[in-house]
C-alpha atoms as a PDB file:
ATOM      1  CA  UNK A   1      28.551  42.242  -5.675  1.00  0.00           C
ATOM      2  CA  UNK A   2      26.530  39.158  -6.555  1.00  0.00           C
ATOM      3  CA  UNK A   3      26.813  37.320  -9.850  1.00  0.00           C
ATOM      4  CA  UNK A   4      23.563  37.501 -11.822  1.00  0.00           C
ATOM      5  CA  UNK A   5      22.016  34.236 -12.949  1.00  0.00           C
ATOM      6  CA  UNK A   6      22.679  35.282 -16.537  1.00  0.00           C
ATOM      7  CA  UNK A   7      26.430  35.575 -15.921  1.00  0.00           C
ATOM      8  CA  UNK A   8      28.429  34.037 -18.772  1.00  0.00           C
ATOM      9  CA  UNK A   9      30.933  32.694 -16.224  1.00  0.00           C
ATOM     10  CA  UNK A  10      28.217  30.907 -14.265  1.00  0.00           C
ATOM     11  CA  UNK A  11      26.621  29.583 -17.462  1.00  0.00           C
ATOM     12  CA  UNK A  12      29.977  28.229 -18.659  1.00  0.00           C
ATOM     13  CA  UNK A  13      30.782  26.575 -15.314  1.00  0.00           C
ATOM     14  CA  UNK A  14      27.348  24.940 -15.237  1.00  0.00           C
ATOM     15  CA  UNK A  15      27.760  23.574 -18.772  1.00  0.00           C
ATOM     16  CA  UNK A  16      31.319  22.361 -18.103  1.00  0.00           C
ATOM     17  CA  UNK A  17      30.297  20.559 -14.937  1.00  0.00           C
ATOM     18  CA  UNK A  18      27.380  18.877 -16.728  1.00  0.00           C
ATOM     19  CA  UNK A  19      29.618  17.815 -19.630  1.00  0.00           C
ATOM     20  CA  UNK A  20      32.331  16.399 -17.360  1.00  0.00           C
ATOM     21  CA  UNK A  21      29.769  14.623 -15.168  1.00  0.00           C
ATOM     22  CA  UNK A  22      28.409  12.811 -18.248  1.00  0.00           C
ATOM     23  CA  UNK A  23      31.690  11.943 -20.014  1.00  0.00           C
ATOM     24  CA  UNK A  24      32.076   8.143 -20.011  1.00  0.00           C
ATOM     25  CA  UNK A  25      35.886   7.884 -20.269  1.00  0.00           C
ATOM     26  CA  UNK A  26      36.360  10.518 -17.561  1.00  0.00           C
ATOM     27  CA  UNK A  27      33.783   8.897 -15.263  1.00  0.00           C
ATOM     28  CA  UNK A  28      35.603   5.578 -15.666  1.00  0.00           C
ATOM     29  CA  UNK A  29      38.853   7.201 -14.490  1.00  0.00           C
ATOM     30  CA  UNK A  30      37.124   8.971 -11.598  1.00  0.00           C
ATOM     31  CA  UNK A  31      35.071   5.966 -10.514  1.00  0.00           C
ATOM     32  CA  UNK A  32      31.858   7.989 -10.759  1.00  0.00           C
ATOM     33  CA  UNK A  33      30.625  11.583 -11.136  1.00  0.00           C
ATOM     34  CA  UNK A  34      33.161  13.197  -8.799  1.00  0.00           C
ATOM     35  CA  UNK A  35      33.098  16.698 -10.286  1.00  0.00           C
ATOM     36  CA  UNK A  36      32.717  19.441  -7.695  1.00  0.00           C
ATOM     37  CA  UNK A  37      32.647  23.190  -7.376  1.00  0.00           C
ATOM     38  CA  UNK A  38      33.620  22.655  -3.738  1.00  0.00           C
ATOM     39  CA  UNK A  39      34.423  19.054  -2.794  1.00  0.00           C
ATOM     40  CA  UNK A  40      32.939  17.553   0.356  1.00  0.00           C
ATOM     41  CA  UNK A  41      35.440  17.089   3.207  1.00  0.00           C
ATOM     42  CA  UNK A  42      35.334  13.306   2.753  1.00  0.00           C
ATOM     43  CA  UNK A  43      35.593  13.280  -1.063  1.00  0.00           C
ATOM     44  CA  UNK A  44      37.007  10.027  -2.411  1.00  0.00           C
ATOM     45  CA  UNK A  45      40.040  10.319  -4.672  1.00  0.00           C
ATOM     46  CA  UNK A  46      40.372  10.884  -7.557  1.00  0.00           C
ATOM     47  CA  UNK A  47      38.090  13.854  -8.156  1.00  0.00           C
ATOM     48  CA  UNK A  48      37.832  17.101 -10.125  1.00  0.00           C
ATOM     49  CA  UNK A  49      37.130  20.633  -8.970  1.00  0.00           C
ATOM     50  CA  UNK A  50      36.158  23.695 -10.959  1.00  0.00           C
ATOM     51  CA  UNK A  51      38.702  26.310 -10.024  1.00  0.00           C
ATOM     52  CA  UNK A  52      39.596  29.871 -10.698  1.00  0.00           C
ATOM     53  CA  UNK A  53      37.862  31.887 -13.382  1.00  0.00           C
ATOM     54  CA  UNK A  54      38.938  35.219 -14.822  1.00  0.00           C
ATOM     55  CA  UNK A  55      36.378  37.046 -16.950  1.00  0.00           C
ATOM     56  CA  UNK A  56      37.381  39.920 -19.230  1.00  0.00           C
ATOM     57  CA  UNK A  57      35.395  42.116 -21.580  1.00  0.00           C
ATOM     58  CA  UNK A  58      35.829  40.906 -25.163  1.00  0.00           C
ATOM     59  CA  UNK A  59      33.349  43.296 -26.746  1.00  0.00           C
ATOM     60  CA  UNK A  60      33.934  44.955 -30.086  1.00  0.00           C
ATOM     61  CA  UNK A  61      32.461  48.206 -31.345  1.00  0.00           C
ATOM     62  CA  UNK A  62      29.431  46.289 -32.603  1.00  0.00           C
ATOM     63  CA  UNK A  63      29.133  43.116 -30.490  1.00  0.00           C
ATOM     64  CA  UNK A  64      29.260  42.221 -26.800  1.00  0.00           C
ATOM     65  CA  UNK A  65      31.305  39.318 -25.502  1.00  0.00           C
ATOM     66  CA  UNK A  66      33.540  37.974 -22.768  1.00  0.00           C
ATOM     67  CA  UNK A  67      36.801  36.090 -22.659  1.00  0.00           C
ATOM     68  CA  UNK A  68      37.109  33.612 -19.817  1.00  0.00           C
ATOM     69  CA  UNK A  69      40.138  31.816 -18.452  1.00  0.00           C
ATOM     70  CA  UNK A  70      39.133  28.814 -16.350  1.00  0.00           C
ATOM     71  CA  UNK A  71      41.261  26.337 -14.420  1.00  0.00           C
ATOM     72  CA  UNK A  72      40.055  22.818 -13.675  1.00  0.00           C
ATOM     73  CA  UNK A  73      41.817  20.773 -11.007  1.00  0.00           C
ATOM     74  CA  UNK A  74      42.223  16.990 -10.908  1.00  0.00           C
ATOM     75  CA  UNK A  75      43.274  15.422  -7.607  1.00  0.00           C
ATOM     76  CA  UNK A  76      44.878  11.996  -7.263  1.00  0.00           C
ATOM     77  CA  UNK A  77      46.430   9.963  -4.471  1.00  0.00           C
ATOM     78  CA  UNK A  78      47.717   7.154  -6.690  1.00  0.00           C
ATOM     79  CA  UNK A  79      51.413   6.405  -6.448  1.00  0.00           C
ATOM     80  CA  UNK A  80      53.117   8.505  -9.110  1.00  0.00           C
ATOM     81  CA  UNK A  81      51.804  11.031 -11.585  1.00  0.00           C
ATOM     82  CA  UNK A  82      50.233   8.670 -14.143  1.00  0.00           C
ATOM     83  CA  UNK A  83      46.650   8.991 -12.886  1.00  0.00           C
ATOM     84  CA  UNK A  84      46.875  12.796 -12.698  1.00  0.00           C
ATOM     85  CA  UNK A  85      48.197  12.932 -16.276  1.00  0.00           C
ATOM     86  CA  UNK A  86      45.411  10.592 -17.439  1.00  0.00           C
ATOM     87  CA  UNK A  87      42.786  12.769 -15.741  1.00  0.00           C
ATOM     88  CA  UNK A  88      44.223  15.925 -17.326  1.00  0.00           C
ATOM     89  CA  UNK A  89      44.126  14.303 -20.765  1.00  0.00           C
ATOM     90  CA  UNK A  90      40.541  13.111 -20.237  1.00  0.00           C
ATOM     91  CA  UNK A  91      39.424  16.599 -19.168  1.00  0.00           C
ATOM     92  CA  UNK A  92      41.055  18.117 -22.251  1.00  0.00           C
ATOM     93  CA  UNK A  93      39.452  15.508 -24.495  1.00  0.00           C
ATOM     94  CA  UNK A  94      36.009  16.052 -22.946  1.00  0.00           C
ATOM     95  CA  UNK A  95      36.047  19.837 -23.373  1.00  0.00           C
ATOM     96  CA  UNK A  96      38.477  21.048 -26.063  1.00  0.00           C
ATOM     97  CA  UNK A  97      36.505  22.594 -28.959  1.00  0.00           C
ATOM     98  CA  UNK A  98      33.258  21.020 -27.708  1.00  0.00           C
ATOM     99  CA  UNK A  99      30.151  23.101 -28.559  1.00  0.00           C
ATOM    100  CA  UNK A 100      28.496  23.433 -25.147  1.00  0.00           C
ATOM    101  CA  UNK A 101      25.026  24.933 -24.771  1.00  0.00           C
ATOM    102  CA  UNK A 102      25.065  27.857 -22.329  1.00  0.00           C
ATOM    103  CA  UNK A 103      22.002  29.366 -20.671  1.00  0.00           C
ATOM    104  CA  UNK A 104      21.547  32.880 -22.057  1.00  0.00           C
ATOM    105  CA  UNK A 105      24.865  32.887 -23.919  1.00  0.00           C
ATOM    106  CA  UNK A 106      26.586  31.397 -26.948  1.00  0.00           C
ATOM    107  CA  UNK A 107      29.955  29.712 -26.673  1.00  0.00           C
ATOM    108  CA  UNK A 108      32.114  30.936 -29.561  1.00  0.00           C
ATOM    109  CA  UNK A 109      35.016  28.671 -28.600  1.00  0.00           C
ATOM    110  CA  UNK A 110      36.487  26.650 -25.751  1.00  0.00           C
ATOM    111  CA  UNK A 111      40.123  25.620 -26.002  1.00  0.00           C
ATOM    112  CA  UNK A 112      42.536  23.886 -23.676  1.00  0.00           C
ATOM    113  CA  UNK A 113      45.601  26.107 -23.311  1.00  0.00           C
ATOM    114  CA  UNK A 114      47.898  24.438 -20.756  1.00  0.00           C
ATOM    115  CA  UNK A 115      48.104  21.489 -18.419  1.00  0.00           C
ATOM    116  CA  UNK A 116      50.546  20.734 -15.639  1.00  0.00           C
ATOM    117  CA  UNK A 117      50.889  18.059 -12.997  1.00  0.00           C
ATOM    118  CA  UNK A 118      52.551  18.711  -9.664  1.00  0.00           C
ATOM    119  CA  UNK A 119      52.927  17.009  -6.314  1.00  0.00           C
ATOM    120  CA  UNK A 120      51.217  18.897  -3.504  1.00  0.00           C
ATOM    121  CA  UNK A 121      52.990  19.876  -0.319  1.00  0.00           C
ATOM    122  CA  UNK A 122      51.486  16.938   1.585  1.00  0.00           C
ATOM    123  CA  UNK A 123      53.772  14.689  -0.488  1.00  0.00           C
ATOM    124  CA  UNK A 124      51.057  12.188  -1.401  1.00  0.00           C
ATOM    125  CA  UNK A 125      48.557  14.125  -3.507  1.00  0.00           C
ATOM    126  CA  UNK A 126      49.153  14.748  -7.197  1.00  0.00           C
ATOM    127  CA  UNK A 127      47.389  17.736  -8.675  1.00  0.00           C
ATOM    128  CA  UNK A 128      46.722  18.383 -12.360  1.00  0.00           C
ATOM    129  CA  UNK A 129      45.809  21.915 -13.424  1.00  0.00           C
ATOM    130  CA  UNK A 130      44.097  22.143 -16.803  1.00  0.00           C
ATOM    131  CA  UNK A 131      43.509  25.624 -18.139  1.00  0.00           C
ATOM    132  CA  UNK A 132      40.965  26.649 -20.754  1.00  0.00           C
ATOM    133  CA  UNK A 133      40.143  29.826 -22.644  1.00  0.00           C
ATOM    134  CA  UNK A 134      36.573  30.493 -23.713  1.00  0.00           C
ATOM    135  CA  UNK A 135      34.893  33.283 -25.634  1.00  0.00           C
ATOM    136  CA  UNK A 136      31.181  33.816 -25.047  1.00  0.00           C
ATOM    137  CA  UNK A 137      28.586  36.121 -26.551  1.00  0.00           C
ATOM    138  CA  UNK A 138      25.046  36.980 -25.472  1.00  0.00           C
ATOM    139  CA  UNK A 139      22.455  34.636 -26.999  1.00  0.00           C
END
């Protein structure tokens, strides 16, 4: 099944990517607009990727809506976890409770719910996972 262009999940991802790609403090940490849905094979570190999304019906008896859980990933190869933690904090700051404009939908809220930093199995990449919850309604 294909996702229609009016999908609230697609609209939210598009708005999040645009917001992150224009956030000055985050761009300074990344060294440029390194925000990807799918990173190129030769992507320079650090960078962000838009990850998993779970969309659930949030409709009431009188109004339509969706609840979305979205994970953003920050990737670092700096020695230690400091850069990954800084990236996670910058992502949270750029998006938490920010009123994003969505194509065909209205964002009721966007909240950071959890963040974690781990070392990947390769032993040299640190990976921050920042999770958000959003509620959207048709425009």
